[in-house]
Each structure stands twice: as C-alpha cells, then as structure tokens.
Protein backbone atom coordinates (compact mmCIF):
# COMPACT_ATOMS: atom_id res chain seq x y z
CA UNK A 1 294.38 23.60 154.44
CA UNK A 2 294.35 20.78 156.97
CA UNK A 3 292.87 17.35 156.27
CA UNK A 4 289.99 18.16 158.63
CA UNK A 5 289.28 21.43 156.76
CA UNK A 6 289.29 19.61 153.42
CA UNK A 7 286.80 17.04 154.71
CA UNK A 8 284.50 19.80 155.99
CA UNK A 9 284.71 21.68 152.67
CA UNK A 10 283.94 18.57 150.62
CA UNK A 11 281.00 17.69 152.87
CA UNK A 12 279.61 21.23 152.60
CA UNK A 13 279.89 21.17 148.79
CA UNK A 14 278.18 17.78 148.63
CA UNK A 15 275.35 19.07 150.79
CA UNK A 16 274.83 22.06 148.48
CA UNK A 17 274.77 19.81 145.38
CA UNK A 18 272.36 17.44 147.07
CA UNK A 19 270.04 20.32 147.95
CA UNK A 20 270.09 21.59 144.36
CA UNK A 21 269.37 18.11 143.03
CA UNK A 22 266.48 17.59 145.43
CA UNK A 23 264.99 20.99 144.62
CA UNK A 24 265.27 20.33 140.89
CA UNK A 25 263.69 16.90 141.24
CA UNK A 26 260.79 18.26 143.28
CA UNK A 27 260.23 21.10 140.85
CA UNK A 28 260.32 18.75 137.84
CA UNK A 29 257.89 16.37 139.52
CA UNK A 30 255.55 19.24 140.24
CA UNK A 31 255.76 20.38 136.63
CA UNK A 32 254.96 16.87 135.44
CA UNK A 33 251.59 17.00 137.16
CA UNK A 34 248.65 18.42 135.24
CA UNK A 35 247.54 21.83 136.43
CA UNK A 36 244.74 21.76 138.98
CA UNK A 37 241.54 22.82 137.29
CA UNK A 38 238.60 24.65 138.80
CA UNK A 39 235.66 22.37 139.46
CA UNK A 40 233.42 24.39 137.17
CA UNK A 41 235.81 24.04 134.21
CA UNK A 42 234.68 20.89 132.42
CA UNK A 43 233.92 19.49 128.98
CA UNK A 44 230.54 21.08 128.33
CA UNK A 45 228.55 20.83 125.12
CA UNK A 46 228.45 23.71 122.64
CA UNK A 47 231.89 25.04 123.59
CA UNK A 48 235.11 25.58 121.67
CA UNK A 49 238.15 24.38 123.61
CA UNK A 50 241.70 25.42 122.69
CA UNK A 51 245.18 26.21 123.97
CA UNK A 52 245.49 29.80 125.07
CA UNK A 53 248.90 30.83 123.69
CA UNK A 54 249.19 34.28 125.22
CA UNK A 55 251.27 35.07 128.28
CA UNK A 56 252.49 32.02 130.19
CA UNK A 57 252.18 28.34 129.31
CA UNK A 58 249.52 27.11 126.91
CA UNK A 59 246.62 26.51 129.28
CA UNK A 60 243.40 25.05 127.93
CA UNK A 61 240.64 27.63 127.58
CA UNK A 62 237.14 27.69 126.19
CA UNK A 63 234.52 29.89 124.54
CA UNK A 64 230.85 29.29 123.72
CA UNK A 65 230.57 28.06 120.13
CA UNK A 66 227.58 30.27 119.44
CA UNK A 67 229.16 33.52 120.60
CA UNK A 68 231.77 35.72 118.96
CA UNK A 69 233.06 36.99 122.30
CA UNK A 70 236.81 36.89 122.90
CA UNK A 71 236.41 36.56 126.67
CA UNK A 72 237.76 33.14 127.47
CA UNK A 73 237.76 30.91 130.53
CA UNK A 74 241.35 29.75 131.12
CA UNK A 75 241.22 27.32 134.02
CA UNK A 76 242.34 24.24 132.09
CA UNK A 77 245.61 22.27 132.25
CA UNK A 78 248.80 23.26 130.44
CA UNK A 79 249.25 21.30 127.20
CA UNK A 80 251.47 21.41 124.12
CA UNK A 81 248.64 19.88 122.08
CA UNK A 82 245.03 19.36 123.09
CA UNK A 83 241.87 17.78 121.73
CA UNK A 84 238.54 16.76 123.22
CA UNK A 85 235.27 15.10 122.28
CA UNK A 86 232.26 13.81 124.19
CA UNK A 87 233.53 13.35 127.77
CA UNK A 88 237.23 12.69 127.09
CA UNK A 89 240.19 14.99 126.50
CA UNK A 90 243.77 14.35 125.46
CA UNK A 91 246.55 16.63 126.67
CA UNK A 92 250.09 16.25 125.33
CA UNK A 93 252.65 17.73 127.70
CA UNK A 94 256.38 18.40 127.44
CA UNK A 95 258.39 18.94 130.62
CA UNK A 96 261.97 20.18 131.15
CA UNK A 97 264.70 17.82 132.18
CA UNK A 98 267.75 15.99 130.87
CA UNK A 99 266.44 14.70 128.57
CA UNK A 100 263.10 16.54 128.34
CA UNK A 101 260.08 14.35 129.04
CA UNK A 102 256.74 14.16 127.29
CA UNK A 103 253.41 12.67 128.34
CA UNK A 104 250.03 11.82 126.90
CA UNK A 105 247.52 12.63 129.64
CA UNK A 106 243.97 11.29 129.36
CA UNK A 107 241.43 13.54 131.09
CA UNK A 108 237.82 12.91 132.10
CA UNK A 109 234.83 15.21 131.64
CA UNK A 110 236.01 17.37 134.57
CA UNK A 111 239.48 17.54 133.03
CA UNK A 112 240.89 15.37 135.81
CA UNK A 113 243.69 12.98 135.01
CA UNK A 114 242.68 9.37 134.33
CA UNK A 115 245.88 7.99 132.78
CA UNK A 116 249.38 9.24 132.03
CA UNK A 117 251.66 7.67 129.40
CA UNK A 118 255.35 8.58 129.17
CA UNK A 119 256.48 9.41 125.64
CA UNK A 120 259.63 10.30 123.75
CA UNK A 121 259.87 13.16 121.29
CA UNK A 122 258.04 16.41 120.65
CA UNK A 123 254.20 16.53 120.83
CA UNK A 124 252.71 17.23 117.42
CA UNK A 125 249.17 15.94 116.79
CA UNK A 126 246.30 14.86 119.07
CA UNK A 127 242.87 13.46 118.27
CA UNK A 128 239.88 11.97 120.11
CA UNK A 129 237.07 10.06 118.38
CA UNK A 130 233.55 11.52 118.46
CA UNK A 131 232.49 9.09 121.20
CA UNK A 132 235.57 9.82 123.30
CA UNK A 133 236.67 6.17 123.16
CA UNK A 134 239.59 6.21 120.72
CA UNK A 135 242.63 8.48 121.16
CA UNK A 136 245.65 9.02 118.96
CA UNK A 137 248.73 11.21 119.14
CA UNK A 138 251.80 11.83 117.01
CA UNK A 139 255.25 12.69 118.31
CA UNK A 140 258.23 13.98 116.35
CA UNK A 141 261.02 11.51 117.11
CA UNK A 142 263.51 13.58 115.11
CA UNK A 143 263.04 16.94 113.45
CA UNK A 144 260.21 19.33 114.26
CA UNK A 145 258.52 20.10 110.96
CA UNK A 146 256.80 18.30 108.11
CA UNK A 147 258.13 20.90 105.68
CA UNK A 148 261.51 19.16 105.35
CA UNK A 149 262.47 15.59 104.59
CA UNK A 150 264.60 14.79 107.66
CA UNK A 151 261.97 13.93 110.24
CA UNK A 152 260.64 10.83 111.91
CA UNK A 153 257.32 10.38 113.69
CA UNK A 154 255.81 7.93 116.14
CA UNK A 155 252.03 7.64 116.23
CA UNK A 156 250.10 5.82 118.96
CA UNK A 157 246.48 4.74 119.39
CA UNK A 158 244.73 4.14 122.71
CA UNK A 159 241.38 2.42 123.23
CA UNK A 160 240.13 3.97 126.46
CA UNK A 161 237.38 1.35 126.86
CA UNK A 162 239.75 -1.63 126.89
CA UNK A 163 242.94 0.19 127.89
CA UNK A 164 244.78 -1.33 124.91
CA UNK A 165 247.67 0.85 123.74
CA UNK A 166 249.37 0.65 120.34
CA UNK A 167 252.64 2.41 121.03
CA UNK A 168 253.75 2.67 117.40
CA UNK A 169 251.40 1.93 114.51
CA UNK A 170 254.18 1.52 111.96
CA UNK A 171 253.83 -2.26 112.26
CA UNK A 172 250.28 -2.25 110.88
CA UNK A 173 250.02 -4.36 107.66
CA UNK A 174 249.96 -1.74 104.89
CA UNK A 175 248.74 -2.08 101.29
CA UNK A 176 249.83 0.53 98.73
CA UNK A 177 248.74 0.32 95.12
CA UNK A 178 247.08 -3.05 95.76
CA UNK A 179 250.25 -4.69 97.11
CA UNK A 180 251.58 -5.30 100.59
CA UNK A 181 254.18 -2.65 101.33
CA UNK A 182 257.28 -2.73 103.51
CA UNK A 183 259.90 0.02 103.80
CA UNK A 184 262.12 1.29 106.62
CA UNK A 185 261.16 4.94 105.97
CA UNK A 186 257.40 4.54 106.61
CA UNK A 187 256.00 7.24 108.91
CA UNK A 188 252.41 7.67 110.12
CA UNK A 189 250.80 10.80 111.49
CA UNK A 190 247.52 12.67 111.86
CA UNK A 191 245.03 9.91 112.71
CA UNK A 192 241.31 10.76 112.55
CA UNK A 193 238.52 8.36 113.60
CA UNK A 194 235.11 7.54 112.12
CA UNK A 195 231.96 7.36 114.21
CA UNK A 196 232.14 3.57 114.45
CA UNK A 197 235.39 3.80 116.49
CA UNK A 198 236.85 1.17 114.15
CA UNK A 199 237.59 2.94 110.87
CA UNK A 200 240.35 5.51 110.86
CA UNK A 201 242.29 7.61 108.36
CA UNK A 202 245.90 8.72 108.57
CA UNK A 203 248.84 10.01 106.58
CA UNK A 204 251.59 7.63 105.51
CA UNK A 205 254.88 8.99 104.22
CA UNK A 206 257.37 6.88 102.27
CA UNK A 207 259.82 7.40 99.41
CA UNK A 208 259.16 11.13 99.40
CA UNK A 209 255.38 10.80 98.93
CA UNK A 210 252.44 11.11 101.31
CA UNK A 211 249.37 8.88 101.12
CA UNK A 212 245.92 8.99 102.67
CA UNK A 213 245.25 5.56 104.13
CA UNK A 214 242.09 4.04 105.54
CA UNK A 215 242.54 1.65 108.44
CA UNK A 216 240.48 -0.96 110.23
CA UNK A 217 241.14 -1.44 113.94
CA UNK A 218 239.52 -4.89 114.21
CA UNK A 219 241.34 -6.29 111.17
CA UNK A 220 244.43 -4.21 112.01
CA UNK A 221 245.16 -3.38 108.38
CA UNK A 222 245.38 -0.23 106.26
CA UNK A 223 245.27 0.58 102.55
CA UNK A 224 245.83 3.73 100.50
CA UNK A 225 243.12 5.90 98.96
CA UNK A 226 245.17 8.63 97.24
CA UNK A 227 248.44 10.57 97.37
CA UNK A 228 249.45 14.06 98.54
CA UNK A 229 247.28 14.13 101.66
CA UNK A 230 248.58 15.23 105.06
CA UNK A 231 246.92 15.61 108.47
CA UNK A 232 243.43 14.34 107.55
CA UNK A 233 240.43 15.39 109.63
CA UNK A 234 237.11 13.60 109.17
CA UNK A 235 233.91 15.67 109.10
CA UNK A 236 231.24 15.01 111.77
CA UNK A 237 228.97 13.39 109.14
CA UNK A 238 231.93 11.18 108.06
CA UNK A 239 231.57 12.12 104.37
CA UNK A 240 234.56 14.44 103.86
CA UNK A 241 238.14 14.85 104.94
CA UNK A 242 239.89 18.18 105.42
CA UNK A 243 243.61 17.97 104.77
CA UNK A 244 246.66 19.99 103.89
CA UNK A 245 247.92 19.45 100.35
CA UNK A 246 251.46 20.21 99.27
CA UNK A 247 251.14 22.69 96.41
CA UNK A 248 254.65 24.16 96.44
CA UNK A 249 258.07 22.53 96.82
CA UNK A 250 261.18 23.89 98.48
CA UNK A 251 259.43 26.68 100.40
CA UNK A 252 258.52 27.42 103.98
CA UNK A 253 254.81 27.65 103.08
CA UNK A 254 254.16 24.56 100.95
CA UNK A 255 250.55 23.65 101.84
CA UNK A 256 247.00 24.63 100.94
CA UNK A 257 244.00 23.47 102.95
CA UNK A 258 241.65 21.23 100.91
CA UNK A 259 238.52 19.14 101.46
CA UNK A 260 238.10 15.66 99.95
CA UNK A 261 234.74 14.00 99.23
CA UNK A 262 235.18 10.37 100.32
CA UNK A 263 232.47 9.08 97.97
CA UNK A 264 233.81 10.63 94.77
CA UNK A 265 237.41 11.26 95.88
CA UNK A 266 237.10 14.73 94.38
CA UNK A 267 238.79 17.60 96.21
CA UNK A 268 238.59 21.36 96.35
CA UNK A 269 240.63 24.07 98.10
CA UNK A 270 239.05 26.24 100.77
CA UNK A 271 239.23 30.02 100.76
CA UNK A 272 242.24 30.13 103.11
CA UNK A 273 245.31 30.87 100.95
CA UNK A 274 247.92 30.92 103.70
CA UNK A 275 249.94 27.76 104.24
CA UNK A 276 248.21 25.80 107.04
CA UNK A 277 250.55 23.48 108.96
CA UNK A 278 247.85 22.05 111.20
CA UNK A 279 245.36 19.22 111.46
CA UNK A 280 242.20 21.23 110.92
CA UNK A 281 239.22 20.67 113.22
CA UNK A 282 235.56 20.68 112.18
CA UNK A 283 233.43 23.00 114.30
CA UNK A 284 230.37 21.54 112.53
CA UNK A 285 229.67 19.95 109.15
CA UNK A 286 230.23 23.28 107.39
CA UNK A 287 233.11 25.02 109.17
CA UNK A 288 236.81 24.32 109.63
CA UNK A 289 239.07 25.74 112.36
CA UNK A 290 242.86 25.80 112.24
CA UNK A 291 245.88 27.61 113.65
CA UNK A 292 248.10 30.07 111.82
CA UNK A 293 251.12 32.04 113.03
CA UNK A 294 249.87 35.02 114.99
CA UNK A 295 250.17 38.68 114.11
CA UNK A 296 251.64 41.55 116.10
CA UNK A 297 253.80 39.24 118.20
CA UNK A 298 251.14 36.61 118.92
CA UNK A 299 252.32 33.00 118.81
CA UNK A 300 249.31 31.66 116.93
CA UNK A 301 245.68 32.46 116.18
CA UNK A 302 242.69 30.25 115.41
CA UNK A 303 240.92 30.96 112.13
CA UNK A 304 237.75 29.53 110.62
CA UNK A 305 236.69 29.07 107.00
CA UNK A 306 233.72 27.45 105.21
CA UNK A 307 234.47 23.87 104.18
CA UNK A 308 232.78 24.17 100.78
CA UNK A 309 235.34 26.62 99.40
CA UNK A 310 233.15 29.68 99.66
CA UNK A 311 233.47 32.76 101.87
CA UNK A 312 236.60 34.18 103.43
CA UNK A 313 238.74 33.19 106.44
CA UNK A 314 237.76 34.78 109.75
CA UNK A 315 239.81 35.26 112.90
CA UNK A 316 238.00 33.28 115.61
CA UNK A 317 240.41 33.20 118.57
CA UNK A 318 243.48 35.46 118.92
CA UNK A 319 246.31 33.79 120.85
CA UNK A 320 245.01 30.27 120.39
CA UNK A 321 245.80 26.85 118.91
CA UNK A 322 244.55 23.23 119.06
CA UNK A 323 240.86 24.01 118.51
CA UNK A 324 238.31 21.33 119.45
CA UNK A 325 234.53 21.71 119.32
CA UNK A 326 232.63 19.77 121.98
CA UNK A 327 229.11 19.44 120.62
C-alpha cells in the first residue's frame, strides 16, 4: 500500500469513528431528556401515580384512586423511581453511558421539567413532602441492595421554594443514645417529611444496626427514636410511620412491614407476610401501598394492605412500582 493509500484509509477510518461517536452522543443526549408528556397528563387529585413496569421502560402511569380498574394512562416520563405530591413530582432517571449517568428531575404539575440535578449511583428511594416543597432521594453509591452489609448510600434533600440543595446529609449533627455520634460507616436513606416541611424522619445505619431518626431542617440536627427501622413512611395525619423491620438474618427475604405509633412508640406488623423491600406509600390514613416482585414474569406489582394489621393484602396494580397517591 502506498503512502497516499494509507493516508486515505486512516482518514476514512477516523471519519467512521467520528460518525459513531457523534451518533452515540446525540442518542445519549436524547435519552437524558425526560419523555414528552401529553398535555392532559398532569398531577390531578384523587389519582394513584406509579411506574408502569410492563413492556418497555418504566413510564409513569396513573389510575383513579376510587376505581379498581386496571386500565391505566401511561403518558408520563420514564423514571427508575417516582413520587409525587400536591403539584410537584420527582423522577429519578438512569441513562446509559460510560459511566452510566443518573439524574433527579423535578417536575411541575403538568409533569414538565423544572430542574435537573446530575447524580452518581443507582436510584433507590424518592419522596416529596405533602405540600410539594421538600424533596429527597437516595442513591446506592456501591451495592444495590439493603439485604447485605456491603453497600453505601447517598441521600439528598432539596427545598424547591428556596432552591437549597443538600447533596449528602451524612454531615448532619447526629445524636444516638443521647450522645453526639460520629462514625465513618454512617449511611442515611428513606427520608419522609412531616406536614410542617421542617420535621423529617429517616433511617440511619451504623455498626450493623439501623435507627429511626427524627430530624429538624431549621436546626439541622437529628436524633434517634428507636432501632431496627428501615425506609420510614409518615402517615398523612403524621401520627404513624410504616417501615420495614428486619425479622430474619442471613436470608434473601429478611423484612416484615410494620407500623409504628409515634406517640407510644408501639409497633405492629401488617397482614402482608412477604418480605417488602420498599418504602411503603400511604394511599390514605388507613391503607398502605408497596411493590413486590411480580408473578408470571412480571417485574413488580403494587399491593395494598390495611395499616392497622387487619385484613389481607390485595393486588392493586399489576406491572407497577413506586406508588404515590395525589390527594
């Protein structure tokens, strides 16, 4: 091959590589954008919103809360985790790339993007306060399950009114057992907000134990209430917390869903006996919704159960996860 032929061959190869790179970049950028939603698909009262986990990506769908119909409207954005309240929604996305990229996308009442925050890790938990002001999300920095011991989380809090973002709440002054506590293995996850948009509850893990902590945004401090509480979810009347309690060790199904009375700190299990690895959502003051692995090839299903421990679990949404009731 002559020198001129070599130059032409190298130039042609470079052009092909450049075209591939440009196409990949364009495709990735397109994937990073939230899906366009139909104008009629919005955050409307008295609807149950959730990720539709059937064929294709997990697009946000909805059903009327008062109906038992399985016909869903699926015009929402694609999200790995989703939650909504009042007129604000939080969509956690994960996009392909080297390395993969994740985003917390804040959506308005028409599910249009208001703010996008780049994240690292795997989306895991998402919550919005009842007023829609306070948002929180948890990412797995390492590992992808709470069942084992080798995982690390990063939990953030966003005040949508002021725009103030706490990227990692691990620096919050923490009191355990009445004493200030410092340890390199502290992990937070599963934030849930009270109606005052100031008080919050979360899980803290350290030294092999999990703790329910109560936090104060204005004072920026947190203290423990009790142990063996994971993924707390505050009831609409702010009197009880649903949580998953570790009842078995060394298994793939270690948890049982419980409800804690915040006044007495007494707890009781609900009727669901399957291991629930989810931050349950309250559909109202009496009913919990949560995701379980699906049956007959389905990825996950949404189930409901009475919060007082009575009744039996009921399948609410086949092929669904991340339930959120907009009241």
